[in-house]
Amino acid sequence: MKLSKEALGLKDRIKTEYGIVDEGGLLLLQTAFEAFDMMRKAQRIINKDGLTFKDRFYQVKTHPLCNVVRDARAQFLQALKQLNLDIEPLKGIGRPGS
């Protein structure tokens, strides 16, 4: 999946800052930013449409993409956690060990 400019920039900064070069780490990082992009796309649509809408019975319903935002955010944070990126980077040492 092709990443947005925002996601590519963040991915490159994290990759460099933490020294991620192993294939597994790069795959997790790619997965994290695919989820990030999904979250951002859904957020843009929700910002345009609103958080709620009225169904055919005029009942207020939550925008269906709110679930996409929630799930994509959870996937993004989980991938970062698996990379041990939920702590401050160690200067000049590379990605923290587990």
PDB file of N, CA and C in Angstrom:
ATOM      1  N   MET A   1       0.837  -1.177   0.000  1.00  0.00           N
ATOM      2  CA  MET A   1       0.000   0.000   0.000  1.00  0.00           C
ATOM      3  C   MET A   1       0.886   1.246   0.000  1.00  0.00           C
ATOM      4  N   LYS A   2       0.551   2.182  -0.853  1.00  0.00           N
ATOM      5  CA  LYS A   2       1.320   3.419  -0.948  1.00  0.00           C
ATOM      6  C   LYS A   2       0.938   4.345   0.202  1.00  0.00           C
ATOM      7  N   LEU A   3       1.934   4.884   0.892  1.00  0.00           N
ATOM      8  CA  LEU A   3       1.700   5.754   2.031  1.00  0.00           C
ATOM      9  C   LEU A   3       1.604   7.211   1.603  1.00  0.00           C
ATOM     10  N   SER A   4       0.876   7.993   2.386  1.00  0.00           N
ATOM     11  CA  SER A   4       0.779   9.430   2.156  1.00  0.00           C
ATOM     12  C   SER A   4       2.112  10.101   2.480  1.00  0.00           C
ATOM     13  N   LYS A   5       2.239  11.353   2.053  1.00  0.00           N
ATOM     14  CA  LYS A   5       3.463  12.108   2.346  1.00  0.00           C
ATOM     15  C   LYS A   5       3.653  12.244   3.853  1.00  0.00           C
ATOM     16  N   GLU A   6       2.572  12.511   4.576  1.00  0.00           N
ATOM     17  CA  GLU A   6       2.651  12.656   6.033  1.00  0.00           C
ATOM     18  C   GLU A   6       3.159  11.367   6.670  1.00  0.00           C
ATOM     19  N   ALA A   7       2.576  10.237   6.283  1.00  0.00           N
ATOM     20  CA  ALA A   7       2.964   8.949   6.851  1.00  0.00           C
ATOM     21  C   ALA A   7       4.402   8.587   6.475  1.00  0.00           C
ATOM     22  N   LEU A   8       4.768   8.834   5.221  1.00  0.00           N
ATOM     23  CA  LEU A   8       6.147   8.540   4.790  1.00  0.00           C
ATOM     24  C   LEU A   8       7.161   9.345   5.585  1.00  0.00           C
ATOM     25  N   GLY A   9       6.866  10.622   5.800  1.00  0.00           N
ATOM     26  CA  GLY A   9       7.774  11.473   6.558  1.00  0.00           C
ATOM     27  C   GLY A   9       7.946  10.985   7.989  1.00  0.00           C
ATOM     28  N   LEU A  10       6.831  10.666   8.648  1.00  0.00           N
ATOM     29  CA  LEU A  10       6.895  10.160  10.021  1.00  0.00           C
ATOM     30  C   LEU A  10       7.610   8.817  10.085  1.00  0.00           C
ATOM     31  N   LYS A  11       7.297   7.952   9.128  1.00  0.00           N
ATOM     32  CA  LYS A  11       7.923   6.628   9.088  1.00  0.00           C
ATOM     33  C   LYS A  11       9.436   6.757   8.941  1.00  0.00           C
ATOM     34  N   ASP A  12       9.881   7.614   8.031  1.00  0.00           N
ATOM     35  CA  ASP A  12      11.319   7.801   7.818  1.00  0.00           C
ATOM     36  C   ASP A  12      12.003   8.367   9.051  1.00  0.00           C
ATOM     37  N   ARG A  13      11.344   9.323   9.727  1.00  0.00           N
ATOM     38  CA  ARG A  13      11.946   9.900  10.931  1.00  0.00           C
ATOM     39  C   ARG A  13      12.076   8.857  12.036  1.00  0.00           C
ATOM     40  N   ILE A  14      11.036   8.054  12.230  1.00  0.00           N
ATOM     41  CA  ILE A  14      11.087   7.018  13.266  1.00  0.00           C
ATOM     42  C   ILE A  14      12.133   5.966  12.912  1.00  0.00           C
ATOM     43  N   LYS A  15      12.156   5.563  11.640  1.00  0.00           N
ATOM     44  CA  LYS A  15      13.134   4.562  11.194  1.00  0.00           C
ATOM     45  C   LYS A  15      14.555   5.040  11.470  1.00  0.00           C
ATOM     46  N   THR A  16      14.826   6.292  11.180  1.00  0.00           N
ATOM     47  CA  THR A  16      16.157   6.859  11.394  1.00  0.00           C
ATOM     48  C   THR A  16      16.454   7.044  12.877  1.00  0.00           C
ATOM     49  N   GLU A  17      15.499   7.615  13.599  1.00  0.00           N
ATOM     50  CA  GLU A  17      15.700   7.923  15.017  1.00  0.00           C
ATOM     51  C   GLU A  17      15.956   6.670  15.839  1.00  0.00           C
ATOM     52  N   TYR A  18      15.264   5.584  15.513  1.00  0.00           N
ATOM     53  CA  TYR A  18      15.411   4.341  16.274  1.00  0.00           C
ATOM     54  C   TYR A  18      16.343   3.339  15.600  1.00  0.00           C
ATOM     55  N   GLY A  19      16.863   3.658  14.437  1.00  0.00           N
ATOM     56  CA  GLY A  19      17.792   2.763  13.749  1.00  0.00           C
ATOM     57  C   GLY A  19      17.166   1.447  13.337  1.00  0.00           C
ATOM     58  N   ILE A  20      15.960   1.490  12.847  1.00  0.00           N
ATOM     59  CA  ILE A  20      15.257   0.262  12.458  1.00  0.00           C
ATOM     60  C   ILE A  20      15.738  -0.148  11.066  1.00  0.00           C
ATOM     61  N   VAL A  21      16.400  -1.286  11.004  1.00  0.00           N
ATOM     62  CA  VAL A  21      16.922  -1.778   9.729  1.00  0.00           C
ATOM     63  C   VAL A  21      16.543  -3.234   9.469  1.00  0.00           C
ATOM     64  N   ASP A  22      16.098  -3.947  10.506  1.00  0.00           N
ATOM     65  CA  ASP A  22      15.764  -5.362  10.317  1.00  0.00           C
ATOM     66  C   ASP A  22      14.428  -5.491   9.588  1.00  0.00           C
ATOM     67  N   GLU A  23      14.288  -6.583   8.867  1.00  0.00           N
ATOM     68  CA  GLU A  23      13.111  -6.784   8.023  1.00  0.00           C
ATOM     69  C   GLU A  23      11.811  -6.820   8.826  1.00  0.00           C
ATOM     70  N   GLY A  24      11.838  -7.485   9.974  1.00  0.00           N
ATOM     71  CA  GLY A  24      10.641  -7.542  10.817  1.00  0.00           C
ATOM     72  C   GLY A  24      10.240  -6.177  11.333  1.00  0.00           C
ATOM     73  N   GLY A  25      11.218  -5.398  11.747  1.00  0.00           N
ATOM     74  CA  GLY A  25      10.944  -4.050  12.222  1.00  0.00           C
ATOM     75  C   GLY A  25      10.382  -3.162  11.125  1.00  0.00           C
ATOM     76  N   LEU A  26      10.948  -3.287   9.924  1.00  0.00           N
ATOM     77  CA  LEU A  26      10.463  -2.486   8.797  1.00  0.00           C
ATOM     78  C   LEU A  26       9.040  -2.870   8.413  1.00  0.00           C
ATOM     79  N   LEU A  27       8.729  -4.168   8.501  1.00  0.00           N
ATOM     80  CA  LEU A  27       7.378  -4.627   8.188  1.00  0.00           C
ATOM     81  C   LEU A  27       6.375  -4.096   9.216  1.00  0.00           C
ATOM     82  N   LEU A  28       6.746  -4.149  10.497  1.00  0.00           N
ATOM     83  CA  LEU A  28       5.865  -3.601  11.535  1.00  0.00           C
ATOM     84  C   LEU A  28       5.676  -2.098  11.357  1.00  0.00           C
ATOM     85  N   LEU A  29       6.744  -1.404  10.997  1.00  0.00           N
ATOM     86  CA  LEU A  29       6.660   0.036  10.778  1.00  0.00           C
ATOM     87  C   LEU A  29       5.747   0.357   9.597  1.00  0.00           C
ATOM     88  N   GLN A  30       5.855  -0.412   8.526  1.00  0.00           N
ATOM     89  CA  GLN A  30       4.981  -0.231   7.362  1.00  0.00           C
ATOM     90  C   GLN A  30       3.522  -0.459   7.758  1.00  0.00           C
ATOM     91  N   THR A  31       3.286  -1.520   8.512  1.00  0.00           N
ATOM     92  CA  THR A  31       1.932  -1.836   8.972  1.00  0.00           C
ATOM     93  C   THR A  31       1.373  -0.709   9.839  1.00  0.00           C
ATOM     94  N   ALA A  32       2.220  -0.183  10.726  1.00  0.00           N
ATOM     95  CA  ALA A  32       1.795   0.922  11.593  1.00  0.00           C
ATOM     96  C   ALA A  32       1.344   2.114  10.770  1.00  0.00           C
ATOM     97  N   PHE A  33       2.105   2.464   9.751  1.00  0.00           N
ATOM     98  CA  PHE A  33       1.762   3.659   8.994  1.00  0.00           C
ATOM     99  C   PHE A  33       0.681   3.435   7.950  1.00  0.00           C
ATOM    100  N   GLU A  34       0.424   2.194   7.581  1.00  0.00           N
ATOM    101  CA  GLU A  34      -0.768   1.916   6.782  1.00  0.00           C
ATOM    102  C   GLU A  34      -2.014   2.163   7.634  1.00  0.00           C
ATOM    103  N   ALA A  35      -1.963   1.730   8.900  1.00  0.00           N
ATOM    104  CA  ALA A  35      -3.075   1.987   9.822  1.00  0.00           C
ATOM    105  C   ALA A  35      -3.214   3.485  10.090  1.00  0.00           C
ATOM    106  N   PHE A  36      -2.085   4.179  10.218  1.00  0.00           N
ATOM    107  CA  PHE A  36      -2.086   5.631  10.417  1.00  0.00           C
ATOM    108  C   PHE A  36      -2.797   6.329   9.265  1.00  0.00           C
ATOM    109  N   ASP A  37      -2.463   5.944   8.036  1.00  0.00           N
ATOM    110  CA  ASP A  37      -3.102   6.538   6.863  1.00  0.00           C
ATOM    111  C   ASP A  37      -4.604   6.256   6.834  1.00  0.00           C
ATOM    112  N   MET A  38      -4.980   5.039   7.173  1.00  0.00           N
ATOM    113  CA  MET A  38      -6.405   4.680   7.216  1.00  0.00           C
ATOM    114  C   MET A  38      -7.128   5.559   8.234  1.00  0.00           C
ATOM    115  N   MET A  39      -6.503   5.750   9.390  1.00  0.00           N
ATOM    116  CA  MET A  39      -7.090   6.584  10.433  1.00  0.00           C
ATOM    117  C   MET A  39      -7.267   8.017   9.937  1.00  0.00           C
ATOM    118  N   ARG A  40      -6.240   8.573   9.306  1.00  0.00           N
ATOM    119  CA  ARG A  40      -6.300   9.952   8.814  1.00  0.00           C
ATOM    120  C   ARG A  40      -7.375  10.127   7.728  1.00  0.00           C
ATOM    121  N   LYS A  41      -7.476   9.146   6.812  1.00  0.00           N
ATOM    122  CA  LYS A  41      -8.492   9.231   5.753  1.00  0.00           C
ATOM    123  C   LYS A  41      -9.894   9.230   6.353  1.00  0.00           C
ATOM    124  N   ALA A  42     -10.120   8.341   7.299  1.00  0.00           N
ATOM    125  CA  ALA A  42     -11.427   8.273   7.943  1.00  0.00           C
ATOM    126  C   ALA A  42     -11.716   9.559   8.717  1.00  0.00           C
ATOM    127  N   GLN A  43     -10.701  10.110   9.380  1.00  0.00           N
ATOM    128  CA  GLN A  43     -10.885  11.355  10.130  1.00  0.00           C
ATOM    129  C   GLN A  43     -11.270  12.511   9.201  1.00  0.00           C
ATOM    130  N   ARG A  44     -10.645  12.578   8.025  1.00  0.00           N
ATOM    131  CA  ARG A  44     -10.987  13.641   7.076  1.00  0.00           C
ATOM    132  C   ARG A  44     -12.448  13.550   6.634  1.00  0.00           C
ATOM    133  N   ILE A  45     -12.924  12.341   6.370  1.00  0.00           N
ATOM    134  CA  ILE A  45     -14.309  12.155   5.941  1.00  0.00           C
ATOM    135  C   ILE A  45     -15.268  12.527   7.080  1.00  0.00           C
ATOM    136  N   ILE A  46     -14.936  12.111   8.292  1.00  0.00           N
ATOM    137  CA  ILE A  46     -15.773  12.444   9.447  1.00  0.00           C
ATOM    138  C   ILE A  46     -15.796  13.952   9.673  1.00  0.00           C
ATOM    139  N   ASN A  47     -14.654  14.604   9.512  1.00  0.00           N
ATOM    140  CA  ASN A  47     -14.610  16.060   9.674  1.00  0.00           C
ATOM    141  C   ASN A  47     -15.521  16.750   8.666  1.00  0.00           C
ATOM    142  N   LYS A  48     -15.613  16.190   7.465  1.00  0.00           N
ATOM    143  CA  LYS A  48     -16.460  16.761   6.421  1.00  0.00           C
ATOM    144  C   LYS A  48     -17.942  16.443   6.669  1.00  0.00           C
ATOM    145  N   ASP A  49     -18.231  15.185   7.003  1.00  0.00           N
ATOM    146  CA  ASP A  49     -19.618  14.731   7.150  1.00  0.00           C
ATOM    147  C   ASP A  49     -20.214  15.017   8.527  1.00  0.00           C
ATOM    148  N   GLY A  50     -19.373  15.060   9.552  1.00  0.00           N
ATOM    149  CA  GLY A  50     -19.841  15.191  10.932  1.00  0.00           C
ATOM    150  C   GLY A  50     -19.778  13.854  11.655  1.00  0.00           C
ATOM    151  N   LEU A  51     -19.767  13.914  12.977  1.00  0.00           N
ATOM    152  CA  LEU A  51     -19.678  12.697  13.796  1.00  0.00           C
ATOM    153  C   LEU A  51     -20.962  11.867  13.775  1.00  0.00           C
ATOM    154  N   THR A  52     -22.073  12.526  13.490  1.00  0.00           N
ATOM    155  CA  THR A  52     -23.353  11.826  13.506  1.00  0.00           C
ATOM    156  C   THR A  52     -24.153  12.136  12.241  1.00  0.00           C
ATOM    157  N   PHE A  53     -25.172  11.330  12.011  1.00  0.00           N
ATOM    158  CA  PHE A  53     -26.112  11.553  10.917  1.00  0.00           C
ATOM    159  C   PHE A  53     -27.473  11.024  11.370  1.00  0.00           C
ATOM    160  N   LYS A  54     -28.507  11.396  10.642  1.00  0.00           N
ATOM    161  CA  LYS A  54     -29.848  10.887  10.957  1.00  0.00           C
ATOM    162  C   LYS A  54     -30.201   9.805   9.953  1.00  0.00           C
ATOM    163  N   ASP A  55     -30.686   8.681  10.482  1.00  0.00           N
ATOM    164  CA  ASP A  55     -31.086   7.587   9.598  1.00  0.00           C
ATOM    165  C   ASP A  55     -32.459   7.885   9.006  1.00  0.00           C
ATOM    166  N   ARG A  56     -33.026   6.936   8.292  1.00  0.00           N
ATOM    167  CA  ARG A  56     -34.297   7.180   7.605  1.00  0.00           C
ATOM    168  C   ARG A  56     -35.458   7.384   8.571  1.00  0.00           C
ATOM    169  N   PHE A  57     -35.253   7.006   9.849  1.00  0.00           N
ATOM    170  CA  PHE A  57     -36.274   7.223  10.871  1.00  0.00           C
ATOM    171  C   PHE A  57     -35.967   8.464  11.715  1.00  0.00           C
ATOM    172  N   TYR A  58     -34.979   9.262  11.251  1.00  0.00           N
ATOM    173  CA  TYR A  58     -34.550  10.492  11.911  1.00  0.00           C
ATOM    174  C   TYR A  58     -33.922  10.249  13.292  1.00  0.00           C
ATOM    175  N   GLN A  59     -33.378   9.055  13.458  1.00  0.00           N
ATOM    176  CA  GLN A  59     -32.649   8.742  14.680  1.00  0.00           C
ATOM    177  C   GLN A  59     -31.182   9.116  14.465  1.00  0.00           C
ATOM    178  N   VAL A  60     -30.575   9.742  15.478  1.00  0.00           N
ATOM    179  CA  VAL A  60     -29.173  10.148  15.364  1.00  0.00           C
ATOM    180  C   VAL A  60     -28.282   8.910  15.530  1.00  0.00           C
ATOM    181  N   LYS A  61     -27.393   8.717  14.571  1.00  0.00           N
ATOM    182  CA  LYS A  61     -26.461   7.577  14.574  1.00  0.00           C
ATOM    183  C   LYS A  61     -25.033   8.093  14.479  1.00  0.00           C
ATOM    184  N   THR A  62     -24.124   7.350  15.050  1.00  0.00           N
ATOM    185  CA  THR A  62     -22.704   7.675  14.938  1.00  0.00           C
ATOM    186  C   THR A  62     -22.233   7.358  13.525  1.00  0.00           C
ATOM    187  N   HIS A  63     -21.364   8.202  12.997  1.00  0.00           N
ATOM    188  CA  HIS A  63     -20.796   7.967  11.664  1.00  0.00           C
ATOM    189  C   HIS A  63     -20.097   6.607  11.678  1.00  0.00           C
ATOM    190  N   PRO A  64     -20.360   5.746  10.693  1.00  0.00           N
ATOM    191  CA  PRO A  64     -19.744   4.411  10.660  1.00  0.00           C
ATOM    192  C   PRO A  64     -18.210   4.444  10.642  1.00  0.00           C
ATOM    193  N   LEU A  65     -17.619   5.505  10.129  1.00  0.00           N
ATOM    194  CA  LEU A  65     -16.160   5.572  10.076  1.00  0.00           C
ATOM    195  C   LEU A  65     -15.522   5.847  11.434  1.00  0.00           C
ATOM    196  N   CYS A  66     -16.335   6.168  12.446  1.00  0.00           N
ATOM    197  CA  CYS A  66     -15.776   6.322  13.796  1.00  0.00           C
ATOM    198  C   CYS A  66     -15.145   5.006  14.248  1.00  0.00           C
ATOM    199  N   ASN A  67     -15.738   3.894  13.856  1.00  0.00           N
ATOM    200  CA  ASN A  67     -15.168   2.581  14.187  1.00  0.00           C
ATOM    201  C   ASN A  67     -13.843   2.358  13.460  1.00  0.00           C
ATOM    202  N   VAL A  68     -13.750   2.834  12.237  1.00  0.00           N
ATOM    203  CA  VAL A  68     -12.504   2.702  11.473  1.00  0.00           C
ATOM    204  C   VAL A  68     -11.402   3.499  12.154  1.00  0.00           C
ATOM    205  N   VAL A  69     -11.714   4.712  12.595  1.00  0.00           N
ATOM    206  CA  VAL A  69     -10.718   5.537  13.291  1.00  0.00           C
ATOM    207  C   VAL A  69     -10.240   4.823  14.552  1.00  0.00           C
ATOM    208  N   ARG A  70     -11.179   4.329  15.339  1.00  0.00           N
ATOM    209  CA  ARG A  70     -10.834   3.628  16.582  1.00  0.00           C
ATOM    210  C   ARG A  70      -9.942   2.417  16.321  1.00  0.00           C
ATOM    211  N   ASP A  71     -10.330   1.597  15.357  1.00  0.00           N
ATOM    212  CA  ASP A  71      -9.578   0.375  15.073  1.00  0.00           C
ATOM    213  C   ASP A  71      -8.211   0.675  14.474  1.00  0.00           C
ATOM    214  N   ALA A  72      -8.153   1.641  13.566  1.00  0.00           N
ATOM    215  CA  ALA A  72      -6.878   1.984  12.941  1.00  0.00           C
ATOM    216  C   ALA A  72      -5.920   2.587  13.960  1.00  0.00           C
ATOM    217  N   ARG A  73      -6.441   3.420  14.860  1.00  0.00           N
ATOM    218  CA  ARG A  73      -5.597   3.991  15.916  1.00  0.00           C
ATOM    219  C   ARG A  73      -5.042   2.879  16.804  1.00  0.00           C
ATOM    220  N   ALA A  74      -5.872   1.927  17.161  1.00  0.00           N
ATOM    221  CA  ALA A  74      -5.428   0.809  17.997  1.00  0.00           C
ATOM    222  C   ALA A  74      -4.356  -0.013  17.281  1.00  0.00           C
ATOM    223  N   GLN A  75      -4.531  -0.252  15.980  1.00  0.00           N
ATOM    224  CA  GLN A  75      -3.527  -1.002  15.209  1.00  0.00           C
ATOM    225  C   GLN A  75      -2.213  -0.238  15.128  1.00  0.00           C
ATOM    226  N   PHE A  76      -2.303   1.067  14.920  1.00  0.00           N
ATOM    227  CA  PHE A  76      -1.115   1.909  14.845  1.00  0.00           C
ATOM    228  C   PHE A  76      -0.334   1.857  16.165  1.00  0.00           C
ATOM    229  N   LEU A  77      -1.040   2.077  17.257  1.00  0.00           N
ATOM    230  CA  LEU A  77      -0.377   2.075  18.563  1.00  0.00           C
ATOM    231  C   LEU A  77       0.164   0.697  18.928  1.00  0.00           C
ATOM    232  N   GLN A  78      -0.545  -0.353  18.555  1.00  0.00           N
ATOM    233  CA  GLN A  78      -0.078  -1.706  18.841  1.00  0.00           C
ATOM    234  C   GLN A  78       1.200  -2.019  18.079  1.00  0.00           C
ATOM    235  N   ALA A  79       1.272  -1.608  16.822  1.00  0.00           N
ATOM    236  CA  ALA A  79       2.490  -1.838  16.029  1.00  0.00           C
ATOM    237  C   ALA A  79       3.666  -1.072  16.629  1.00  0.00           C
ATOM    238  N   LEU A  80       3.436   0.170  17.055  1.00  0.00           N
ATOM    239  CA  LEU A  80       4.513   0.934  17.699  1.00  0.00           C
ATOM    240  C   LEU A  80       4.939   0.268  18.999  1.00  0.00           C
ATOM    241  N   LYS A  81       3.989  -0.249  19.734  1.00  0.00           N
ATOM    242  CA  LYS A  81       4.312  -0.940  20.988  1.00  0.00           C
ATOM    243  C   LYS A  81       5.145  -2.191  20.725  1.00  0.00           C
ATOM    244  N   GLN A  82       4.814  -2.935  19.670  1.00  0.00           N
ATOM    245  CA  GLN A  82       5.584  -4.127  19.327  1.00  0.00           C
ATOM    246  C   GLN A  82       7.009  -3.783  18.916  1.00  0.00           C
ATOM    247  N   LEU A  83       7.190  -2.565  18.429  1.00  0.00           N
ATOM    248  CA  LEU A  83       8.530  -2.095  18.077  1.00  0.00           C
ATOM    249  C   LEU A  83       9.241  -1.462  19.272  1.00  0.00           C
ATOM    250  N   ASN A  84       8.575  -1.466  20.420  1.00  0.00           N
ATOM    251  CA  ASN A  84       9.103  -0.827  21.630  1.00  0.00           C
ATOM    252  C   ASN A  84       9.306   0.659  21.417  1.00  0.00           C
ATOM    253  N   LEU A  85       8.437   1.289  20.659  1.00  0.00           N
ATOM    254  CA  LEU A  85       8.548   2.712  20.385  1.00  0.00           C
ATOM    255  C   LEU A  85       7.670   3.543  21.317  1.00  0.00           C
ATOM    256  N   ASP A  86       7.155   2.918  22.372  1.00  0.00           N
ATOM    257  CA  ASP A  86       6.338   3.665  23.315  1.00  0.00           C
ATOM    258  C   ASP A  86       7.192   4.293  24.413  1.00  0.00           C
ATOM    259  N   ILE A  87       8.515   4.271  24.247  1.00  0.00           N
ATOM    260  CA  ILE A  87       9.443   4.911  25.177  1.00  0.00           C
ATOM    261  C   ILE A  87      10.317   5.880  24.399  1.00  0.00           C
ATOM    262  N   GLU A  88      11.048   6.736  25.101  1.00  0.00           N
ATOM    263  CA  GLU A  88      11.920   7.697  24.428  1.00  0.00           C
ATOM    264  C   GLU A  88      13.053   6.976  23.732  1.00  0.00           C
ATOM    265  N   PRO A  89      13.469   7.487  22.565  1.00  0.00           N
ATOM    266  CA  PRO A  89      14.582   6.852  21.852  1.00  0.00           C
ATOM    267  C   PRO A  89      15.893   7.035  22.615  1.00  0.00           C
ATOM    268  N   LEU A  90      16.755   6.057  22.470  1.00  0.00           N
ATOM    269  CA  LEU A  90      18.087   6.154  23.041  1.00  0.00           C
ATOM    270  C   LEU A  90      18.994   6.785  22.007  1.00  0.00           C
ATOM    271  N   LYS A  91      19.607   7.880  22.338  1.00  0.00           N
ATOM    272  CA  LYS A  91      20.428   8.628  21.385  1.00  0.00           C
ATOM    273  C   LYS A  91      21.623   7.792  20.933  1.00  0.00           C
ATOM    274  N   GLY A  92      21.738   7.600  19.618  1.00  0.00           N
ATOM    275  CA  GLY A  92      22.908   6.964  19.019  1.00  0.00           C
ATOM    276  C   GLY A  92      23.043   5.476  19.227  1.00  0.00           C
ATOM    277  N   ILE A  93      22.079   4.845  19.899  1.00  0.00           N
ATOM    278  CA  ILE A  93      22.211   3.424  20.174  1.00  0.00           C
ATOM    279  C   ILE A  93      21.326   2.586  19.263  1.00  0.00           C
ATOM    280  N   GLY A  94      20.272   3.161  18.741  1.00  0.00           N
ATOM    281  CA  GLY A  94      19.367   2.406  17.867  1.00  0.00           C
ATOM    282  C   GLY A  94      18.092   2.051  18.584  1.00  0.00           C
ATOM    283  N   ARG A  95      17.351   1.134  18.013  1.00  0.00           N
ATOM    284  CA  ARG A  95      16.057   0.740  18.551  1.00  0.00           C
ATOM    285  C   ARG A  95      16.258   0.020  19.878  1.00  0.00           C
ATOM    286  N   PRO A  96      15.457   0.407  20.899  1.00  0.00           N
ATOM    287  CA  PRO A  96      15.569  -0.263  22.196  1.00  0.00           C
ATOM    288  C   PRO A  96      15.240  -1.746  22.087  1.00  0.00           C
ATOM    289  N   GLY A  97      15.906  -2.579  22.866  1.00  0.00           N
ATOM    290  CA  GLY A  97      15.637  -4.009  22.883  1.00  0.00           C
ATOM    291  C   GLY A  97      14.378  -4.313  23.662  1.00  0.00           C
ATOM    292  N   SER A  98      13.951  -5.585  23.615  1.00  0.00           N
ATOM    293  CA  SER A  98      12.718  -5.941  24.321  1.00  0.00           C
ATOM    294  C   SER A  98      12.962  -6.349  25.738  1.00  0.00           C
TER     295      SER A  98
END
